[in-house]
Amino acid sequence: MFLVSEYCPSTMEKEISKYSNGLPKYCFIRYIKEMSTGMHFMRIRQIHHGDLKPENILISENGTLKLADFGVSSTPDELIRYRRDRAWSGTKEYMAPELHQGASSKFTSSLEMCDVWSYGIVLWQLMARLRPHEGIEQHMLAKKIGIDGLLPPLPSSSNLESLVNLLRKCWNKTNPSRPTFHKILQDLEDVREELEGIDENEWIEECKMWNAL
């Protein structure tokens, strides 16, 4: 059997590293909206991605985002067959704290909200252009994120207050308290309005500030 998919020449990871002063503002607005729209589409179909990160977000020739790599994704029927002692797969830097807690975490935790946590990490990386939790050894990440509550740094002051607030919501330590992707799409309207209210020079300075965190 052969599976043929659309050719996508780039990834979000490549786009993040392409611009020294941050993504163009119009690209940032488009990417965060398309990413949340795709995740909301998956939620409607009750699919948990499980490994949302810039490397797994492809960009087509016309600039449209495409979610990829569903190797650890799951549906409710598949979750029923999971053993309670099964370790969760994914990329540690992007995994929600409850997943790092392994078998001891509640199996009934909403997996949509785990994807929401990952979405927040990707959103932060788009803005800061930094690898989350850079410098921390892999074997320490589960404890740092799952027990110690490690989070990526946020600016103490920002022209994008709605964006900072959205990230804080996505990173709520209580799984059910995080926003759904439907709610995120609504909150992104406030982010878009704030972004459109700053000029290009202010945007570049904002990107530099996040990159210096």
Protein backbone atom coordinates (compact mmCIF):
# COMPACT_ATOMS: atom_id res chain seq x y z
CA MET A 1 0.00 0.00 0.00
CA PHE A 2 1.23 3.50 -0.88
CA LEU A 3 0.00 6.65 0.83
CA VAL A 4 0.41 9.79 -1.26
CA SER A 5 0.07 13.18 0.40
CA GLU A 6 0.51 16.77 -0.68
CA TYR A 7 4.10 17.98 -0.90
CA CYS A 8 4.86 20.62 1.72
CA PRO A 9 8.23 22.35 1.25
CA SER A 10 8.58 23.76 4.75
CA THR A 11 7.71 23.30 8.42
CA MET A 12 6.89 25.73 11.18
CA GLU A 13 10.26 24.88 12.74
CA LYS A 14 12.04 26.12 9.60
CA GLU A 15 9.90 29.26 9.48
CA ILE A 16 10.75 30.11 13.10
CA SER A 17 14.48 30.03 12.36
CA LYS A 18 14.21 31.87 9.04
CA TYR A 19 13.58 35.38 10.39
CA SER A 20 16.17 37.11 12.60
CA ASN A 21 13.67 39.71 13.87
CA GLY A 22 10.73 37.36 14.30
CA LEU A 23 8.03 36.16 11.93
CA PRO A 24 6.29 38.82 9.86
CA LYS A 25 3.24 39.91 11.80
CA TYR A 26 0.80 38.74 9.13
CA CYS A 27 2.41 35.27 9.18
CA PHE A 28 2.14 35.06 12.96
CA ILE A 29 -1.55 36.00 12.90
CA ARG A 30 -2.26 33.48 10.15
CA TYR A 31 -0.31 30.64 11.73
CA ILE A 32 -1.84 30.84 15.21
CA LYS A 33 -5.34 30.96 13.70
CA GLU A 34 -4.79 28.07 11.28
CA MET A 35 -3.13 25.93 13.94
CA SER A 36 -6.05 26.33 16.34
CA THR A 37 -8.58 25.79 13.53
CA GLY A 38 -6.91 22.50 12.63
CA MET A 39 -6.85 21.36 16.24
CA HIS A 40 -10.51 22.31 16.68
CA PHE A 41 -11.33 20.25 13.57
CA MET A 42 -9.58 17.26 15.18
CA ARG A 43 -11.43 17.81 18.45
CA ILE A 44 -14.80 17.71 16.67
CA ARG A 45 -13.78 14.28 15.36
CA GLN A 46 -12.53 13.26 18.80
CA ILE A 47 -8.91 12.81 17.72
CA HIS A 48 -6.08 13.54 20.15
CA HIS A 49 -2.88 14.53 18.32
CA GLY A 50 -0.46 13.78 21.14
CA ASP A 51 2.69 15.29 19.62
CA LEU A 52 1.95 18.85 18.56
CA LYS A 53 5.21 20.73 17.92
CA PRO A 54 6.70 22.94 15.18
CA GLU A 55 8.40 19.99 13.46
CA ASN A 56 4.99 18.35 13.01
CA ILE A 57 3.33 21.37 11.45
CA LEU A 58 3.96 21.46 7.71
CA ILE A 59 3.58 24.47 5.44
CA SER A 60 2.27 23.97 1.92
CA GLU A 61 3.44 25.81 -1.18
CA ASN A 62 0.67 28.39 -0.76
CA GLY A 63 1.54 28.95 2.92
CA THR A 64 -1.26 26.90 4.50
CA LEU A 65 -0.47 24.99 7.69
CA LYS A 66 -0.93 21.20 7.67
CA LEU A 67 -0.91 19.15 10.87
CA ALA A 68 1.23 16.04 10.47
CA ASP A 69 2.72 13.01 12.25
CA PHE A 70 -0.21 11.22 13.84
CA GLY A 71 1.96 8.37 15.06
CA VAL A 72 0.86 8.77 18.69
CA SER A 73 -2.62 10.16 18.04
CA SER A 74 -5.65 8.35 19.41
CA THR A 75 -9.44 8.16 19.34
CA PRO A 76 -11.78 7.33 22.25
CA ASP A 77 -12.10 3.69 21.09
CA GLU A 78 -8.34 3.32 21.10
CA LEU A 79 -8.06 4.87 24.55
CA ILE A 80 -10.33 2.19 25.97
CA ARG A 81 -7.69 -0.38 25.03
CA TYR A 82 -4.87 1.54 26.73
CA ARG A 83 -3.40 -0.02 29.84
CA ARG A 84 -3.38 2.24 32.86
CA ASP A 85 0.33 1.66 33.28
CA ARG A 86 1.15 2.57 29.70
CA ALA A 87 3.63 5.43 29.36
CA TRP A 88 2.45 8.34 27.25
CA SER A 89 4.39 9.05 24.10
CA GLY A 90 5.21 12.47 22.73
CA THR A 91 7.95 15.08 22.89
CA LYS A 92 8.73 15.91 26.50
CA GLU A 93 9.17 19.66 26.09
CA TYR A 94 5.62 19.96 24.72
CA MET A 95 3.79 17.44 26.93
CA ALA A 96 1.30 18.54 29.58
CA PRO A 97 2.37 17.99 33.22
CA GLU A 98 -0.29 15.34 33.85
CA LEU A 99 1.17 13.21 31.05
CA HIS A 100 4.61 13.43 32.64
CA GLN A 101 3.09 11.97 35.80
CA GLY A 102 2.53 8.69 33.95
CA ALA A 103 0.33 5.98 35.42
CA SER A 104 -0.26 8.00 38.57
CA SER A 105 -2.17 10.69 36.68
CA LYS A 106 -5.92 10.41 36.20
CA PHE A 107 -6.66 8.36 33.10
CA THR A 108 -9.83 10.37 32.58
CA SER A 109 -7.93 13.63 31.99
CA SER A 110 -9.18 15.36 28.86
CA LEU A 111 -6.70 14.69 26.10
CA GLU A 112 -7.95 17.76 24.24
CA MET A 113 -6.63 19.81 27.14
CA CYS A 114 -3.27 18.05 26.85
CA ASP A 115 -3.14 19.18 23.23
CA VAL A 116 -4.10 22.69 24.41
CA TRP A 117 -1.02 22.73 26.65
CA SER A 118 1.14 21.75 23.66
CA TYR A 119 -0.52 24.42 21.54
CA GLY A 120 0.48 27.00 24.14
CA ILE A 121 4.10 25.84 24.03
CA VAL A 122 4.16 26.06 20.22
CA LEU A 123 2.54 29.51 20.36
CA TRP A 124 5.22 30.67 22.81
CA GLN A 125 7.96 29.25 20.56
CA LEU A 126 6.54 31.08 17.54
CA MET A 127 6.81 34.33 19.46
CA ALA A 128 10.09 33.79 21.32
CA ARG A 129 11.89 31.75 18.62
CA LEU A 130 13.48 29.70 21.40
CA ARG A 131 13.39 25.98 22.09
CA PRO A 132 11.24 25.41 25.19
CA HIS A 133 13.21 24.46 28.31
CA GLU A 134 16.52 24.78 26.47
CA GLY A 135 19.47 23.46 28.45
CA ILE A 136 17.52 21.08 30.69
CA GLU A 137 18.53 17.46 30.25
CA GLN A 138 15.86 15.15 28.81
CA HIS A 139 15.78 12.82 31.80
CA MET A 140 14.97 15.80 34.07
CA LEU A 141 12.06 17.19 32.06
CA ALA A 142 9.39 14.85 33.44
CA LYS A 143 10.11 15.95 37.02
CA LYS A 144 10.62 19.61 36.13
CA ILE A 145 7.36 19.88 34.15
CA GLY A 146 5.22 17.23 35.84
CA ILE A 147 6.13 17.92 39.48
CA ASP A 148 8.00 21.21 39.78
CA GLY A 149 5.67 23.10 37.44
CA LEU A 150 8.30 24.36 35.00
CA LEU A 151 6.93 26.81 32.41
CA PRO A 152 8.50 28.81 29.58
CA PRO A 153 9.20 32.40 30.71
CA LEU A 154 6.76 35.19 29.90
CA PRO A 155 7.57 38.92 29.71
CA SER A 156 6.72 41.01 32.77
CA SER A 157 5.28 43.67 30.48
CA SER A 158 4.07 43.32 26.91
CA ASN A 159 2.06 45.16 24.28
CA LEU A 160 0.30 41.84 23.69
CA GLU A 161 -1.50 41.32 26.98
CA SER A 162 -4.19 39.16 25.39
CA LEU A 163 -1.51 36.80 24.03
CA VAL A 164 0.18 36.50 27.44
CA ASN A 165 -3.20 35.83 29.06
CA LEU A 166 -4.01 33.14 26.48
CA LEU A 167 -0.71 31.37 27.19
CA ARG A 168 -1.42 31.43 30.92
CA LYS A 169 -4.82 29.85 30.26
CA CYS A 170 -3.32 27.13 28.06
CA TRP A 171 -0.78 26.34 30.79
CA ASN A 172 -3.27 26.08 33.64
CA LYS A 173 -2.03 23.24 35.86
CA THR A 174 -5.61 21.98 36.21
CA ASN A 175 -6.47 20.06 33.05
CA PRO A 176 -10.23 20.90 32.88
CA SER A 177 -9.53 24.61 33.48
CA ARG A 178 -7.72 25.08 30.18
CA PRO A 179 -9.71 26.58 27.28
CA THR A 180 -11.09 24.39 24.53
CA PHE A 181 -9.86 25.01 21.01
CA HIS A 182 -13.26 26.53 20.27
CA LYS A 183 -12.67 29.05 23.06
CA ILE A 184 -9.10 29.64 21.89
CA LEU A 185 -10.42 30.60 18.44
CA GLN A 186 -12.61 33.20 20.14
CA ASP A 187 -9.73 34.52 22.28
CA LEU A 188 -7.55 34.82 19.19
CA GLU A 189 -9.82 37.60 17.94
CA ASP A 190 -8.61 39.73 20.87
CA VAL A 191 -5.02 38.78 20.05
CA ARG A 192 -5.54 39.71 16.39
CA GLU A 193 -7.01 43.10 17.31
CA GLU A 194 -4.08 43.82 19.61
CA LEU A 195 -1.58 42.80 16.94
CA GLU A 196 -3.24 44.99 14.34
CA GLY A 197 -3.00 47.90 16.77
CA ILE A 198 0.81 47.92 16.78
CA ASP A 199 3.02 48.98 13.89
CA GLU A 200 5.84 46.95 12.35
CA ASN A 201 8.58 48.58 14.44
CA GLU A 202 6.68 47.85 17.66
CA TRP A 203 6.17 44.28 16.48
CA ILE A 204 9.89 43.80 15.84
CA GLU A 205 10.74 45.20 19.29
CA GLU A 206 8.15 42.91 20.87
CA CYS A 207 9.67 39.89 19.11
CA LYS A 208 13.15 40.88 20.27
CA MET A 209 11.93 41.19 23.86
CA TRP A 210 10.41 37.70 23.79
CA ASN A 211 13.55 36.30 22.18
CA ALA A 212 15.61 37.70 25.08
CA LEU A 213 13.59 35.87 27.76
